[in-house]
N, C-alpha and C. Protein backbone atom coordinates (compact mmCIF):
# COMPACT_ATOMS: atom_id res chain seq x y z
N MET A 1 14.54 5.43 13.98
CA MET A 1 14.23 4.15 13.21
C MET A 1 12.46 4.87 12.78
N LEU A 2 12.13 4.98 11.69
CA LEU A 2 10.75 5.05 11.66
C LEU A 2 9.89 4.08 11.74
N THR A 3 8.77 4.13 12.38
CA THR A 3 7.74 2.90 12.80
C THR A 3 6.99 2.16 11.18
N THR A 4 6.57 3.30 10.27
CA THR A 4 5.57 2.78 9.47
C THR A 4 5.97 3.58 8.17
N LEU A 5 6.22 3.12 6.92
CA LEU A 5 6.08 3.84 5.81
C LEU A 5 4.87 3.32 5.13
N ILE A 6 4.41 4.26 4.63
CA ILE A 6 3.04 4.38 3.52
C ILE A 6 3.71 4.72 2.46
N VAL A 7 3.43 3.88 1.14
CA VAL A 7 3.77 4.03 0.01
C VAL A 7 2.80 3.74 -0.87
N CYS A 8 2.14 5.04 -1.51
CA CYS A 8 1.58 5.00 -2.81
C CYS A 8 1.57 5.33 -4.12
N ALA A 9 0.86 4.96 -4.89
CA ALA A 9 0.72 5.66 -6.45
C ALA A 9 -0.46 6.35 -6.56
N THR A 10 -0.38 7.50 -7.05
CA THR A 10 -1.73 8.16 -7.37
C THR A 10 -1.81 8.88 -8.73
N LYS A 11 -2.84 8.79 -9.48
CA LYS A 11 -2.68 9.42 -10.78
C LYS A 11 -3.22 11.28 -10.43
N HIS A 12 -4.22 11.53 -9.73
CA HIS A 12 -4.81 12.59 -9.61
C HIS A 12 -4.85 13.11 -7.81
N GLY A 13 -4.05 12.28 -7.06
CA GLY A 13 -4.00 12.70 -5.71
C GLY A 13 -5.06 12.39 -4.58
N GLY A 14 -6.11 11.43 -5.00
CA GLY A 14 -6.93 10.80 -4.07
C GLY A 14 -6.35 9.69 -3.51
N THR A 15 -5.63 8.76 -4.17
CA THR A 15 -4.97 7.82 -3.13
C THR A 15 -4.28 8.41 -1.99
N GLU A 16 -3.18 9.29 -2.30
CA GLU A 16 -2.26 9.76 -1.33
C GLU A 16 -3.32 10.95 -0.18
N LYS A 17 -4.45 11.14 -0.92
CA LYS A 17 -5.27 11.78 0.08
C LYS A 17 -5.98 10.74 1.21
N CYS A 18 -6.47 9.66 0.64
CA CYS A 18 -7.11 8.62 1.23
C CYS A 18 -5.94 7.98 2.33
N ALA A 19 -4.53 7.89 1.98
CA ALA A 19 -3.55 7.04 2.66
C ALA A 19 -3.25 8.00 3.92
N ASN A 20 -3.45 9.52 3.80
CA ASN A 20 -3.34 10.11 5.36
C ASN A 20 -3.81 9.85 6.25
N GLY A 21 -5.37 9.23 6.07
CA GLY A 21 -6.53 8.51 7.33
C GLY A 21 -5.30 7.74 8.13
N PRO A 22 -4.84 6.67 7.41
CA PRO A 22 -3.87 5.77 7.92
C PRO A 22 -2.73 6.31 8.57
N LYS A 23 -2.12 7.29 7.71
CA LYS A 23 -0.91 7.76 8.57
C LYS A 23 -1.37 8.77 9.87
N ASN A 24 -2.39 9.49 10.13
CA ASN A 24 -2.81 10.28 11.13
C ASN A 24 -3.34 9.07 12.30
N ARG A 25 -3.59 7.74 11.80
CA ARG A 25 -3.96 7.22 12.86
C ARG A 25 -3.28 6.18 13.62
N LEU A 26 -2.22 6.31 12.78
CA LEU A 26 -1.05 4.98 13.13
C LEU A 26 -0.62 5.56 14.49
N ALA A 27 0.07 4.49 15.27
CA ALA A 27 0.70 5.00 16.64
C ALA A 27 2.17 5.14 15.87
N GLY A 28 3.09 5.85 16.47
CA GLY A 28 4.75 5.83 15.82
C GLY A 28 4.90 6.81 14.87
N GLN A 29 5.96 6.84 14.73
CA GLN A 29 6.41 7.65 13.30
C GLN A 29 5.81 7.03 12.16
N THR A 30 5.20 8.03 11.31
CA THR A 30 4.67 7.35 10.03
C THR A 30 5.14 8.40 8.82
N GLU A 31 5.76 7.77 8.05
CA GLU A 31 5.92 8.66 6.49
C GLU A 31 5.29 7.97 5.31
N LEU A 32 4.51 9.20 4.60
CA LEU A 32 3.98 8.86 3.51
C LEU A 32 4.78 9.20 2.16
N VAL A 33 4.95 8.30 1.26
CA VAL A 33 5.81 8.47 0.06
C VAL A 33 5.12 8.11 -1.00
N ASN A 34 5.00 9.18 -2.16
CA ASN A 34 4.15 8.96 -3.18
C ASN A 34 4.88 8.69 -4.24
N LEU A 35 5.13 7.41 -4.96
CA LEU A 35 5.82 6.88 -5.67
C LEU A 35 5.66 7.53 -7.35
N LYS A 36 4.94 8.61 -7.04
CA LYS A 36 5.06 9.49 -8.61
C LYS A 36 6.09 10.26 -8.41
N LYS A 37 6.21 10.72 -6.91
CA LYS A 37 7.65 11.84 -6.80
C LYS A 37 8.84 10.90 -6.61
N SER A 38 9.46 10.31 -7.50
CA SER A 38 10.57 9.82 -7.77
C SER A 38 11.58 10.00 -6.34
N VAL A 39 11.26 9.02 -5.42
CA VAL A 39 12.04 9.02 -3.87
C VAL A 39 12.80 8.15 -3.61
N LYS A 40 14.07 8.28 -3.25
CA LYS A 40 14.95 7.04 -2.94
C LYS A 40 14.23 6.78 -1.80
N ILE A 41 14.02 5.67 -1.33
CA ILE A 41 13.55 5.10 0.06
C ILE A 41 14.19 4.09 0.28
N ASP A 42 14.89 3.74 1.65
CA ASP A 42 15.58 2.92 2.45
C ASP A 42 14.66 2.35 3.11
N LEU A 43 14.27 1.03 2.60
CA LEU A 43 12.69 -0.06 3.43
C LEU A 43 13.55 -0.54 4.76
N ASN A 44 15.13 -0.52 5.09
CA ASN A 44 15.18 -0.95 6.07
C ASN A 44 15.50 0.10 7.39
N ASP A 45 14.50 1.03 6.96
CA ASP A 45 14.64 2.21 8.22
C ASP A 45 13.29 1.85 8.72
N TYR A 46 12.14 0.94 8.59
CA TYR A 46 10.61 0.75 8.63
C TYR A 46 10.77 -0.60 9.23
N VAL A 47 9.81 -0.52 10.19
CA VAL A 47 9.27 -1.93 10.65
C VAL A 47 7.99 -2.34 9.86
N ALA A 48 7.23 -1.50 9.55
CA ALA A 48 5.84 -2.08 9.00
C ALA A 48 5.94 -0.75 7.50
N ILE A 49 5.31 -1.73 6.49
CA ILE A 49 5.39 -1.07 4.92
C ILE A 49 3.99 -1.13 4.74
N ILE A 50 3.41 -0.26 4.23
CA ILE A 50 1.94 0.00 3.97
C ILE A 50 1.95 0.18 2.42
N ILE A 51 1.48 -0.63 1.58
CA ILE A 51 1.29 -0.41 -0.13
C ILE A 51 0.21 -0.20 -0.56
N GLY A 52 0.17 0.71 -1.62
CA GLY A 52 -1.11 0.83 -2.10
C GLY A 52 -1.46 2.14 -3.06
N GLY A 53 -2.10 1.64 -3.97
CA GLY A 53 -2.29 2.67 -5.13
C GLY A 53 -3.82 2.37 -5.75
N SER A 54 -4.29 3.37 -6.66
CA SER A 54 -5.52 3.35 -7.48
C SER A 54 -5.79 2.35 -8.32
N ILE A 55 -6.78 1.86 -9.11
CA ILE A 55 -7.22 1.26 -9.96
C ILE A 55 -7.58 1.79 -11.15
N PRO A 56 -6.78 2.43 -11.99
CA PRO A 56 -7.41 3.56 -13.11
C PRO A 56 -7.17 1.90 -14.27
N ALA A 57 -8.33 2.06 -15.03
CA ALA A 57 -8.52 0.89 -15.94
C ALA A 57 -8.21 -0.66 -15.59
N GLY A 58 -8.93 -0.67 -14.61
CA GLY A 58 -8.74 -1.84 -13.94
C GLY A 58 -7.62 -2.58 -13.44
N GLN A 59 -6.42 -1.99 -13.26
CA GLN A 59 -5.31 -2.25 -12.70
C GLN A 59 -4.29 -1.37 -11.95
N ILE A 60 -3.74 -1.77 -10.95
CA ILE A 60 -3.07 -0.97 -10.00
C ILE A 60 -1.83 -0.38 -10.98
N GLN A 61 -1.27 0.93 -10.62
CA GLN A 61 -0.67 1.34 -11.30
C GLN A 61 0.76 0.58 -11.28
N LYS A 62 1.27 1.04 -12.62
CA LYS A 62 2.84 0.03 -12.84
C LYS A 62 3.76 0.50 -11.79
N ARG A 63 3.86 1.75 -11.45
CA ARG A 63 4.79 2.07 -10.18
C ARG A 63 4.57 1.01 -9.16
N VAL A 64 3.38 0.97 -8.36
CA VAL A 64 3.41 0.45 -7.31
C VAL A 64 3.69 -1.08 -7.79
N LYS A 65 3.28 -1.98 -9.06
CA LYS A 65 3.71 -3.09 -9.34
C LYS A 65 5.45 -3.14 -9.35
N ARG A 66 5.99 -2.28 -9.81
CA ARG A 66 7.31 -2.17 -9.74
C ARG A 66 8.25 -2.08 -8.34
N PHE A 67 7.68 -1.52 -7.56
CA PHE A 67 7.90 -0.99 -6.04
C PHE A 67 8.01 -2.41 -5.52
N CYS A 68 6.79 -3.20 -5.59
CA CYS A 68 6.71 -4.35 -5.10
C CYS A 68 7.79 -5.56 -5.41
N SER A 69 7.88 -5.77 -6.83
CA SER A 69 8.61 -6.85 -7.49
C SER A 69 10.23 -6.33 -7.42
N ASN A 70 10.54 -5.01 -7.40
CA ASN A 70 12.11 -4.71 -7.28
C ASN A 70 12.58 -4.91 -5.83
N ARG A 71 11.59 -4.74 -4.90
CA ARG A 71 12.16 -4.91 -3.38
C ARG A 71 11.20 -6.09 -2.66
N PHE A 72 11.08 -6.89 -3.36
CA PHE A 72 10.00 -8.21 -2.94
C PHE A 72 10.88 -9.02 -1.71
N ASP A 73 12.11 -9.44 -2.02
CA ASP A 73 12.85 -10.01 -0.76
C ASP A 73 13.10 -9.31 0.20
N LEU A 74 13.15 -7.83 0.58
CA LEU A 74 13.29 -6.90 1.61
C LEU A 74 11.78 -6.89 2.07
N LEU A 75 10.49 -6.88 1.22
CA LEU A 75 9.39 -6.86 1.66
C LEU A 75 8.48 -8.06 2.75
N ASN A 76 9.20 -9.07 2.13
CA ASN A 76 9.11 -10.34 2.97
C ASN A 76 9.56 -10.31 4.03
N GLN A 77 10.51 -9.82 4.28
CA GLN A 77 11.00 -9.51 5.96
C GLN A 77 10.43 -8.49 7.00
N LYS A 78 9.60 -7.72 6.41
CA LYS A 78 8.61 -6.99 6.88
C LYS A 78 7.35 -6.91 7.29
N ARG A 79 6.81 -6.26 8.11
CA ARG A 79 5.11 -6.48 8.17
C ARG A 79 4.63 -5.56 7.12
N ILE A 80 3.67 -5.84 6.46
CA ILE A 80 3.12 -5.66 5.17
C ILE A 80 1.90 -5.30 5.31
N GLY A 81 0.95 -4.38 4.92
CA GLY A 81 0.22 -3.81 4.42
C GLY A 81 -0.35 -3.63 3.06
N LEU A 82 -1.37 -3.95 2.66
CA LEU A 82 -1.99 -3.83 1.23
C LEU A 82 -3.40 -3.10 0.96
N PHE A 83 -3.29 -1.86 0.65
CA PHE A 83 -4.49 -1.30 0.10
C PHE A 83 -4.66 -0.97 -1.37
N VAL A 84 -5.88 -0.80 -1.85
CA VAL A 84 -6.38 -0.33 -3.00
C VAL A 84 -7.47 0.71 -2.89
N CYS A 85 -7.43 1.81 -3.68
CA CYS A 85 -8.57 3.02 -3.98
C CYS A 85 -9.28 2.60 -5.00
N ARG A 86 -10.33 2.08 -5.16
CA ARG A 86 -10.96 2.00 -6.38
C ARG A 86 -12.50 2.48 -6.20
N MET A 87 -12.89 2.29 -7.73
CA MET A 87 -14.24 2.75 -7.92
C MET A 87 -15.18 1.65 -7.68
N GLU A 88 -15.19 0.41 -8.19
CA GLU A 88 -16.00 -0.64 -7.98
C GLU A 88 -16.56 -1.19 -6.89
N GLU A 89 -17.49 -2.06 -6.79
CA GLU A 89 -18.02 -2.83 -5.45
C GLU A 89 -18.02 -4.16 -5.83
N GLY A 90 -18.61 -5.25 -4.77
CA GLY A 90 -18.69 -6.39 -4.75
C GLY A 90 -17.36 -7.16 -5.82
N GLU A 91 -18.07 -8.19 -6.38
CA GLU A 91 -16.69 -9.12 -7.10
C GLU A 91 -15.85 -8.35 -7.86
N LYS A 92 -16.05 -7.52 -9.04
CA LYS A 92 -15.47 -7.00 -9.61
C LYS A 92 -14.21 -6.10 -8.90
N ALA A 93 -14.73 -5.58 -7.72
CA ALA A 93 -13.62 -5.02 -6.57
C ALA A 93 -12.82 -6.16 -6.10
N THR A 94 -13.43 -7.21 -5.49
CA THR A 94 -12.50 -7.84 -5.09
C THR A 94 -11.48 -8.70 -5.75
N ASN A 95 -12.03 -8.88 -7.00
CA ASN A 95 -11.05 -9.60 -8.22
C ASN A 95 -10.14 -8.78 -8.51
N GLN A 96 -10.20 -7.16 -8.55
CA GLN A 96 -9.23 -6.08 -8.76
C GLN A 96 -8.07 -5.75 -7.81
N PHE A 97 -8.59 -6.05 -6.47
CA PHE A 97 -7.59 -6.38 -5.38
C PHE A 97 -6.68 -7.62 -5.33
N ASN A 98 -7.12 -8.92 -5.34
CA ASN A 98 -6.85 -9.97 -5.45
C ASN A 98 -5.49 -9.97 -6.69
N GLU A 99 -5.76 -9.41 -7.84
CA GLU A 99 -4.88 -9.03 -8.77
C GLU A 99 -3.99 -8.17 -8.58
N ALA A 100 -4.00 -7.02 -7.61
CA ALA A 100 -3.19 -6.12 -7.97
C ALA A 100 -1.81 -6.09 -7.15
N PHE A 101 -1.60 -7.11 -6.59
CA PHE A 101 -0.06 -7.52 -5.75
C PHE A 101 0.18 -8.81 -5.91
N PRO A 102 1.56 -9.18 -6.10
CA PRO A 102 2.10 -10.56 -6.43
C PRO A 102 1.43 -11.40 -5.04
N LYS A 103 0.91 -12.90 -5.50
CA LYS A 103 0.18 -13.61 -4.68
C LYS A 103 1.00 -14.04 -3.60
N GLU A 104 2.43 -13.92 -3.55
CA GLU A 104 3.27 -13.91 -2.47
C GLU A 104 3.37 -13.03 -1.28
N LEU A 105 3.32 -11.86 -2.10
CA LEU A 105 3.34 -10.62 -1.23
C LEU A 105 1.89 -10.69 -0.32
N MET A 106 0.74 -10.62 -0.94
CA MET A 106 -0.65 -10.97 -0.02
C MET A 106 -0.97 -11.88 0.57
N ASN A 107 0.11 -13.29 0.62
CA ASN A 107 0.05 -14.20 1.64
C ASN A 107 0.81 -13.95 2.91
N HIS A 108 1.84 -13.09 2.38
CA HIS A 108 2.75 -12.75 3.47
C HIS A 108 1.76 -11.26 4.40
N ALA A 109 1.27 -10.51 3.88
CA ALA A 109 0.82 -9.29 4.43
C ALA A 109 -0.14 -9.58 5.73
N SER A 110 0.07 -8.64 6.48
CA SER A 110 -0.31 -8.79 7.88
C SER A 110 -1.94 -8.22 7.85
N ALA A 111 -2.09 -7.09 6.71
CA ALA A 111 -3.34 -6.74 6.73
C ALA A 111 -3.72 -6.42 5.12
N THR A 112 -4.48 -6.42 4.84
CA THR A 112 -5.43 -6.60 3.26
C THR A 112 -6.42 -5.98 3.50
N GLU A 113 -6.84 -4.73 3.00
CA GLU A 113 -8.17 -4.17 2.92
C GLU A 113 -8.37 -3.37 1.79
N LYS A 114 -9.79 -3.59 1.31
CA LYS A 114 -10.13 -2.66 0.30
C LYS A 114 -10.62 -1.40 0.63
N ASN A 115 -11.06 -1.39 2.07
CA ASN A 115 -11.63 -0.40 2.90
C ASN A 115 -10.47 0.40 3.59
N ILE A 116 -9.94 1.61 3.11
CA ILE A 116 -8.86 1.94 4.12
C ILE A 116 -9.10 2.20 5.54
N ILE A 117 -10.18 2.44 5.71
CA ILE A 117 -10.41 3.03 7.12
C ILE A 117 -10.30 1.68 8.20
N GLU A 118 -10.98 0.87 7.74
CA GLU A 118 -10.52 -0.97 8.12
C GLU A 118 -9.49 -0.87 8.24
N PHE A 119 -8.51 -0.68 7.26
CA PHE A 119 -6.96 -1.09 7.02
C PHE A 119 -6.19 -0.63 7.89
N ALA A 120 -6.59 0.67 8.36
CA ALA A 120 -5.85 1.31 9.39
C ALA A 120 -5.63 0.85 10.66
N ASN A 121 -7.03 0.22 10.99
CA ASN A 121 -7.25 -0.61 12.24
C ASN A 121 -6.63 -1.50 12.45
N GLN A 122 -6.39 -2.21 11.13
CA GLN A 122 -6.10 -3.60 11.28
C GLN A 122 -4.43 -3.48 11.76
N MET A 123 -3.79 -2.29 11.07
CA MET A 123 -2.49 -2.43 11.19
C MET A 123 -1.90 -1.68 12.72
N ASN A 124 -2.83 -1.10 13.23
CA ASN A 124 -2.48 -1.04 15.09
C ASN A 124 -2.58 -2.00 15.96
């Protein structure tokens, strides 16, 4: 059984590149999957799942939203971390982050962070 799955969606590769930071810092076996590359994922194989994406046009990608909504019940049984990569700062960035994921999933998450480096430290 793998320890951690990092799932992300990226339009131009930036989010996937950023997600490699936590992947390389987390203890145990970690797998990184880009949702853009249509891959079948069995979430039962993982103890923790980190979900993230970029915020193009003010909202997280539809692939990330679908991933969360289609697997909501199973995600609520796992240790969850959430992150976004965005260009905004301050209140606008906070609002975008707060609107990126379902509220119930945000409440369940062990780690939520806009700064991916701090986020990786929270997951350890």
